[in-house]
C-alpha atoms as a PDB file:
ATOM      1  CA  MET A   1     -15.733  46.337  48.185  1.00  0.00           C
ATOM      2  CA  ALA A   2     -16.063  43.238  46.066  1.00  0.00           C
ATOM      3  CA  VAL A   3     -18.883  40.697  46.787  1.00  0.00           C
ATOM      4  CA  PRO A   4     -18.068  37.523  46.672  1.00  0.00           C
ATOM      5  CA  LEU A   5     -20.670  35.241  44.466  1.00  0.00           C
ATOM      6  CA  ARG A   6     -20.804  32.616  47.348  1.00  0.00           C
ATOM      7  CA  GLY A   7     -21.595  35.498  49.948  1.00  0.00           C
ATOM      8  CA  VAL A   8     -24.741  36.500  47.536  1.00  0.00           C
ATOM      9  CA  LEU A   9     -26.002  32.886  47.271  1.00  0.00           C
ATOM     10  CA  GLY A  10     -25.245  32.269  51.291  1.00  0.00           C
ATOM     11  CA  ASP A  11     -27.620  35.511  51.918  1.00  0.00           C
ATOM     12  CA  GLU A  12     -30.387  34.200  49.878  1.00  0.00           C
ATOM     13  CA  LEU A  13     -30.401  30.764  51.401  1.00  0.00           C
ATOM     14  CA  ARG A  14     -30.206  32.178  54.705  1.00  0.00           C
ATOM     15  CA  THR A  15     -32.866  34.880  54.028  1.00  0.00           C
ATOM     16  CA  ARG A  16     -35.287  32.120  52.880  1.00  0.00           C
ATOM     17  CA  ARG A  17     -34.833  29.740  55.576  1.00  0.00           C
ATOM     18  CA  VAL A  18     -35.367  32.459  58.099  1.00  0.00           C
ATOM     19  CA  ARG A  19     -38.487  33.478  55.884  1.00  0.00           C
ATOM     20  CA  GLN A  20     -39.608  29.937  56.595  1.00  0.00           C
ATOM     21  CA  GLY A  21     -39.500  30.233  60.301  1.00  0.00           C
ATOM     22  CA  ARG A  22     -36.602  27.258  60.015  1.00  0.00           C
ATOM     23  CA  THR A  23     -33.327  26.691  61.801  1.00  0.00           C
ATOM     24  CA  LEU A  24     -30.445  25.421  60.645  1.00  0.00           C
ATOM     25  CA  ARG A  25     -30.753  22.477  62.437  1.00  0.00           C
ATOM     26  CA  GLN A  26     -34.245  21.634  60.566  1.00  0.00           C
ATOM     27  CA  VAL A  27     -32.712  22.643  56.785  1.00  0.00           C
ATOM     28  CA  SER A  28     -29.332  20.681  57.576  1.00  0.00           C
ATOM     29  CA  LYS A  29     -30.989  17.550  58.692  1.00  0.00           C
ATOM     30  CA  GLU A  30     -33.503  17.352  55.703  1.00  0.00           C
ATOM     31  CA  ALA A  31     -30.862  18.625  53.165  1.00  0.00           C
ATOM     32  CA  ARG A  32     -28.434  15.805  54.746  1.00  0.00           C
ATOM     33  CA  VAL A  33     -25.389  18.202  55.252  1.00  0.00           C
ATOM     34  CA  SER A  34     -23.892  18.965  58.338  1.00  0.00           C
ATOM     35  CA  LEU A  35     -24.929  21.924  60.341  1.00  0.00           C
ATOM     36  CA  GLY A  36     -21.286  23.585  60.305  1.00  0.00           C
ATOM     37  CA  TYR A  37     -21.227  23.066  56.612  1.00  0.00           C
ATOM     38  CA  LEU A  38     -24.606  24.439  56.089  1.00  0.00           C
ATOM     39  CA  SER A  39     -23.302  27.312  58.431  1.00  0.00           C
ATOM     40  CA  GLU A  40     -20.547  28.105  56.450  1.00  0.00           C
ATOM     41  CA  VAL A  41     -22.549  27.965  53.061  1.00  0.00           C
ATOM     42  CA  GLU A  42     -24.874  30.567  54.340  1.00  0.00           C
ATOM     43  CA  ARG A  43     -22.065  32.847  55.729  1.00  0.00           C
ATOM     44  CA  GLY A  44     -20.464  32.597  52.367  1.00  0.00           C
ATOM     45  CA  GLN A  45     -17.472  31.091  53.725  1.00  0.00           C
ATOM     46  CA  LYS A  46     -17.488  27.562  51.461  1.00  0.00           C
ATOM     47  CA  GLU A  47     -18.646  27.133  47.923  1.00  0.00           C
ATOM     48  CA  ALA A  48     -21.851  25.215  47.628  1.00  0.00           C
ATOM     49  CA  SER A  49     -21.493  21.974  45.220  1.00  0.00           C
ATOM     50  CA  SER A  50     -24.327  21.715  42.593  1.00  0.00           C
ATOM     51  CA  GLU A  51     -25.388  18.888  44.468  1.00  0.00           C
ATOM     52  CA  LEU A  52     -25.150  20.353  47.536  1.00  0.00           C
ATOM     53  CA  LEU A  53     -26.976  23.439  46.657  1.00  0.00           C
ATOM     54  CA  ALA A  54     -29.859  21.185  45.276  1.00  0.00           C
ATOM     55  CA  ALA A  55     -30.316  19.084  48.418  1.00  0.00           C
ATOM     56  CA  ILE A  56     -30.518  22.983  50.175  1.00  0.00           C
ATOM     57  CA  CYS A  57     -33.388  24.260  48.183  1.00  0.00           C
ATOM     58  CA  GLY A  58     -34.898  20.731  48.224  1.00  0.00           C
ATOM     59  CA  ALA A  59     -34.894  20.922  52.095  1.00  0.00           C
ATOM     60  CA  LEU A  60     -36.531  24.927  51.595  1.00  0.00           C
ATOM     61  CA  HIS A  61     -38.610  23.948  49.153  1.00  0.00           C
ATOM     62  CA  THR A  62     -37.669  26.346  46.912  1.00  0.00           C
ATOM     63  CA  PRO A  63     -37.062  25.491  42.898  1.00  0.00           C
ATOM     64  CA  LEU A  64     -33.284  25.650  42.039  1.00  0.00           C
ATOM     65  CA  SER A  65     -34.008  28.014  39.382  1.00  0.00           C
ATOM     66  CA  VAL A  66     -35.691  30.497  41.590  1.00  0.00           C
ATOM     67  CA  VAL A  67     -32.697  30.595  43.924  1.00  0.00           C
ATOM     68  CA  LEU A  68     -30.136  31.094  41.066  1.00  0.00           C
ATOM     69  CA  ARG A  69     -32.413  33.519  39.304  1.00  0.00           C
ATOM     70  CA  SER A  70     -32.578  35.832  42.721  1.00  0.00           C
ATOM     71  CA  VAL A  71     -28.912  35.512  43.099  1.00  0.00           C
ATOM     72  CA  SER A  72     -28.173  36.611  39.396  1.00  0.00           C
ATOM     73  CA  ASP A  73     -30.618  39.350  40.047  1.00  0.00           C
ATOM     74  CA  GLU A  74     -28.401  40.578  42.691  1.00  0.00           C
ATOM     75  CA  VAL A  75     -25.277  40.195  41.147  1.00  0.00           C
ATOM     76  CA  SER A  76     -26.531  42.169  38.189  1.00  0.00           C
ATOM     77  CA  ARG A  77     -27.091  45.058  40.798  1.00  0.00           C
ATOM     78  CA  PHE A  78     -23.880  44.720  42.435  1.00  0.00           C
ATOM     79  CA  GLU A  79     -22.335  44.876  38.925  1.00  0.00           C
ATOM     80  CA  ALA A  80     -24.316  47.751  38.100  1.00  0.00           C
ATOM     81  CA  GLU A  81     -23.156  49.750  40.881  1.00  0.00           C
ATOM     82  CA  GLY A  82     -19.481  48.742  40.326  1.00  0.00           C
ATOM     83  CA  LEU A  83     -19.593  46.601  43.541  1.00  0.00           C
ATOM     84  CA  MET A  84     -17.934  43.163  42.054  1.00  0.00           C
ATOM     85  CA  GLY A  85     -13.989  42.647  42.064  1.00  0.00           C
ATOM     86  CA  ASP A  86     -11.923  41.036  39.592  1.00  0.00           C
ATOM     87  CA  ASN A  87     -11.655  38.275  42.262  1.00  0.00           C
ATOM     88  CA  THR A  88     -15.408  37.313  42.580  1.00  0.00           C
ATOM     89  CA  VAL A  89     -17.696  36.885  39.644  1.00  0.00           C
ATOM     90  CA  ARG A  90     -15.960  37.024  36.070  1.00  0.00           C
ATOM     91  CA  GLN A  91     -17.445  36.359  32.261  1.00  0.00           C
ATOM     92  CA  LEU A  92     -15.718  33.520  31.040  1.00  0.00           C
ATOM     93  CA  GLU A  93     -14.002  33.349  27.816  1.00  0.00           C
ATOM     94  CA  PRO A  94     -13.825  30.129  25.414  1.00  0.00           C
ATOM     95  CA  PRO A  95     -10.425  28.884  25.113  1.00  0.00           C
ATOM     96  CA  ALA A  96      -8.365  29.726  21.741  1.00  0.00           C
ATOM     97  CA  GLY A  97      -9.809  27.775  18.886  1.00  0.00           C
ATOM     98  CA  ILE A  98     -13.425  26.916  20.351  1.00  0.00           C
ATOM     99  CA  ASP A  99     -16.176  28.089  17.745  1.00  0.00           C
ATOM    100  CA  VAL A 100     -18.931  28.470  20.365  1.00  0.00           C
ATOM    101  CA  ALA A 101     -21.143  29.757  17.906  1.00  0.00           C
ATOM    102  CA  GLY A 102     -20.677  26.696  15.828  1.00  0.00           C
ATOM    103  CA  ALA A 103     -20.765  24.452  18.651  1.00  0.00           C
ATOM    104  CA  GLN A 104     -24.053  26.314  19.531  1.00  0.00           C
ATOM    105  CA  ALA A 105     -25.770  25.515  16.331  1.00  0.00           C
ATOM    106  CA  SER A 106     -24.515  22.079  16.299  1.00  0.00           C
ATOM    107  CA  ALA A 107     -26.473  21.462  19.654  1.00  0.00           C
ATOM    108  CA  GLY A 108     -29.313  22.920  18.488  1.00  0.00           C
ATOM    109  CA  ALA A 109     -29.374  20.641  15.442  1.00  0.00           C
ATOM    110  CA  ARG A 110     -29.109  17.649  17.270  1.00  0.00           C
ATOM    111  CA  ALA A 111     -31.661  18.990  19.959  1.00  0.00           C
ATOM    112  CA  SER A 112     -34.085  19.361  17.219  1.00  0.00           C
ATOM    113  CA  ALA A 113     -32.981  15.979  15.569  1.00  0.00           C
ATOM    114  CA  ALA A 114     -34.030  14.183  18.845  1.00  0.00           C
ATOM    115  CA  VAL A 115     -37.371  16.074  18.987  1.00  0.00           C
ATOM    116  CA  SER A 116     -38.285  14.919  15.928  1.00  0.00           C
ATOM    117  CA  ALA A 117     -37.179  11.380  15.987  1.00  0.00           C
ATOM    118  CA  ALA A 118     -39.344  10.949  19.214  1.00  0.00           C
END
């Protein structure tokens, strides 16, 4: 059984909303997203954009990082149990010829320089 990432995310959002005793209508109104679309996100039928996810988390008065951490933990559990399929969450490989370590080192150096300049 494969568990899509959007399903885990939808379950997390629904669980948080229900724990707060709130309806789909209340959260959709506060997040400024249609009731139907929020319902589809919660059921794992639609992928939420980063902007939409931030709006939903804001309406739930929950930091996006907390939701993502919880989803990440759940995905890790599914991976450990061998439940993640090939068509779900994948480790992305950089394109051929891209020096990831060098790019990360350059980004770190730029960040250090920016902090020193401030």
